[in-house]
Amino acid sequence: MRECLAGLDPDLSGRTIVGMFTGTADEAKLTARRVEELGARYLDAGLQASPEMVETGTAPILYGGAREAFARHRATLELLGPPRLVGERPEAAAVWTAAGHVPAGSG
């Protein structure tokens, strides 16, 4: 993720970056900090599903980060699978994913 961020425009004001990669809670926090330094909001995504669920768009995707950014982009996130905001801290999705839980009724 650091390599991807290094190649971005240094001014991302008004944008939202969504990190969809396997990472730790610490990596989510570091990524969020870097994205915020560039002027953007950050949502970290966690996926707990089989490849078949991903293919059919039924895989729940957990997000951690700014509630406002999640709400603003929810329609786009729904194209990937049912989105659930599990916390406003960027590491929230990584924590839930590592624990192996999908919280009911979140988001």
Protein backbone atom coordinates (compact mmCIF):
# COMPACT_ATOMS: atom_id res chain seq x y z
CA MET A 1 0.00 0.00 0.00
CA ARG A 2 2.89 2.38 0.73
CA GLU A 3 4.09 2.02 -2.84
CA CYS A 4 0.64 2.86 -4.17
CA LEU A 5 0.37 5.92 -1.94
CA ALA A 6 3.83 7.10 -2.94
CA GLY A 7 2.68 7.36 -6.55
CA LEU A 8 -0.37 9.50 -5.82
CA ASP A 9 -0.79 13.20 -6.40
CA PRO A 10 0.36 15.01 -3.23
CA ASP A 11 -2.98 16.86 -3.04
CA LEU A 12 -5.98 14.55 -2.70
CA SER A 13 -8.23 17.16 -1.10
CA GLY A 14 -11.88 16.17 -1.13
CA ARG A 15 -11.24 12.58 -2.19
CA THR A 16 -11.75 9.27 -0.45
CA ILE A 17 -9.28 6.40 -0.70
CA VAL A 18 -10.51 2.87 0.02
CA GLY A 19 -7.89 0.30 0.96
CA MET A 20 -8.98 -3.19 -0.06
CA PHE A 21 -6.03 -5.34 0.91
CA THR A 22 -5.15 -7.81 3.61
CA GLY A 23 -3.41 -5.94 6.37
CA THR A 24 -3.10 -5.47 10.08
CA ALA A 25 -4.75 -2.90 12.31
CA ASP A 26 -1.42 -1.05 12.54
CA GLU A 27 -1.11 -0.96 8.76
CA ALA A 28 -4.64 0.46 8.52
CA LYS A 29 -3.74 3.22 11.00
CA LEU A 30 -0.52 4.07 9.14
CA THR A 31 -2.27 4.09 5.79
CA ALA A 32 -5.05 6.31 7.14
CA ARG A 33 -2.49 8.74 8.55
CA ARG A 34 -0.68 8.97 5.19
CA VAL A 35 -3.92 9.41 3.23
CA GLU A 36 -5.05 12.15 5.62
CA GLU A 37 -1.67 13.90 5.20
CA LEU A 38 -2.50 14.03 1.48
CA GLY A 39 -5.84 15.69 2.28
CA ALA A 40 -8.17 12.74 1.69
CA ARG A 41 -10.42 10.56 3.83
CA TYR A 42 -9.63 6.86 4.23
CA LEU A 43 -11.80 3.78 4.49
CA ASP A 44 -10.16 0.44 5.24
CA ALA A 45 -11.98 -2.65 3.97
CA GLY A 46 -12.02 -6.19 5.27
CA LEU A 47 -13.43 -9.13 3.35
CA GLN A 48 -14.56 -12.42 4.85
CA ALA A 49 -15.92 -14.55 2.08
CA SER A 50 -15.35 -17.35 -0.35
CA PRO A 51 -14.39 -16.59 -3.95
CA GLU A 52 -17.92 -17.67 -4.99
CA MET A 53 -19.48 -15.04 -2.74
CA VAL A 54 -17.19 -12.36 -4.17
CA GLU A 55 -18.11 -13.38 -7.72
CA THR A 56 -21.82 -13.04 -7.01
CA GLY A 57 -21.56 -9.75 -5.11
CA THR A 58 -22.95 -11.27 -1.91
CA ALA A 59 -19.75 -11.11 0.15
CA PRO A 60 -20.16 -8.73 3.09
CA ILE A 61 -17.38 -6.17 3.15
CA LEU A 62 -16.49 -4.54 6.45
CA TYR A 63 -15.27 -0.93 6.51
CA GLY A 64 -13.51 1.11 9.13
CA GLY A 65 -13.12 4.86 8.87
CA ALA A 66 -15.01 8.12 8.63
CA ARG A 67 -18.79 7.65 8.80
CA GLU A 68 -19.27 10.62 6.46
CA ALA A 69 -17.00 9.08 3.79
CA PHE A 70 -18.78 5.74 4.14
CA ALA A 71 -22.21 7.36 3.76
CA ARG A 72 -21.08 9.46 0.82
CA HIS A 73 -19.76 6.45 -1.12
CA ARG A 74 -22.15 3.78 0.09
CA ALA A 75 -23.91 3.36 -3.28
CA THR A 76 -20.55 2.67 -4.96
CA LEU A 77 -19.43 0.34 -2.17
CA GLU A 78 -22.69 -1.63 -2.54
CA LEU A 79 -21.66 -2.55 -6.08
CA LEU A 80 -18.90 -4.71 -4.56
CA GLY A 81 -21.04 -6.42 -1.91
CA PRO A 82 -23.10 -5.54 1.15
CA PRO A 83 -21.08 -2.82 2.97
CA ARG A 84 -20.96 -2.59 6.76
CA LEU A 85 -19.29 0.19 8.70
CA VAL A 86 -17.91 -1.49 11.81
CA GLY A 87 -16.25 1.53 13.37
CA GLU A 88 -14.99 5.03 12.72
CA ARG A 89 -11.40 4.12 13.44
CA PRO A 90 -9.54 2.99 10.32
CA GLU A 91 -8.35 -0.21 12.00
CA ALA A 92 -11.88 -1.39 12.87
CA ALA A 93 -12.33 -3.55 9.77
CA ALA A 94 -8.92 -5.18 10.21
CA VAL A 95 -9.75 -6.06 13.81
CA TRP A 96 -13.12 -7.61 12.90
CA THR A 97 -11.59 -9.47 9.94
CA ALA A 98 -8.74 -10.86 12.05
CA ALA A 99 -11.28 -12.02 14.64
CA GLY A 100 -13.22 -13.83 11.95
CA HIS A 101 -16.54 -12.15 12.72
CA VAL A 102 -19.10 -10.37 10.58
CA PRO A 103 -21.23 -8.21 12.88
CA ALA A 104 -24.97 -8.38 12.22
CA GLY A 105 -26.81 -5.21 11.30
CA SER A 106 -23.80 -2.89 11.15
CA GLY A 107 -23.49 0.00 8.73
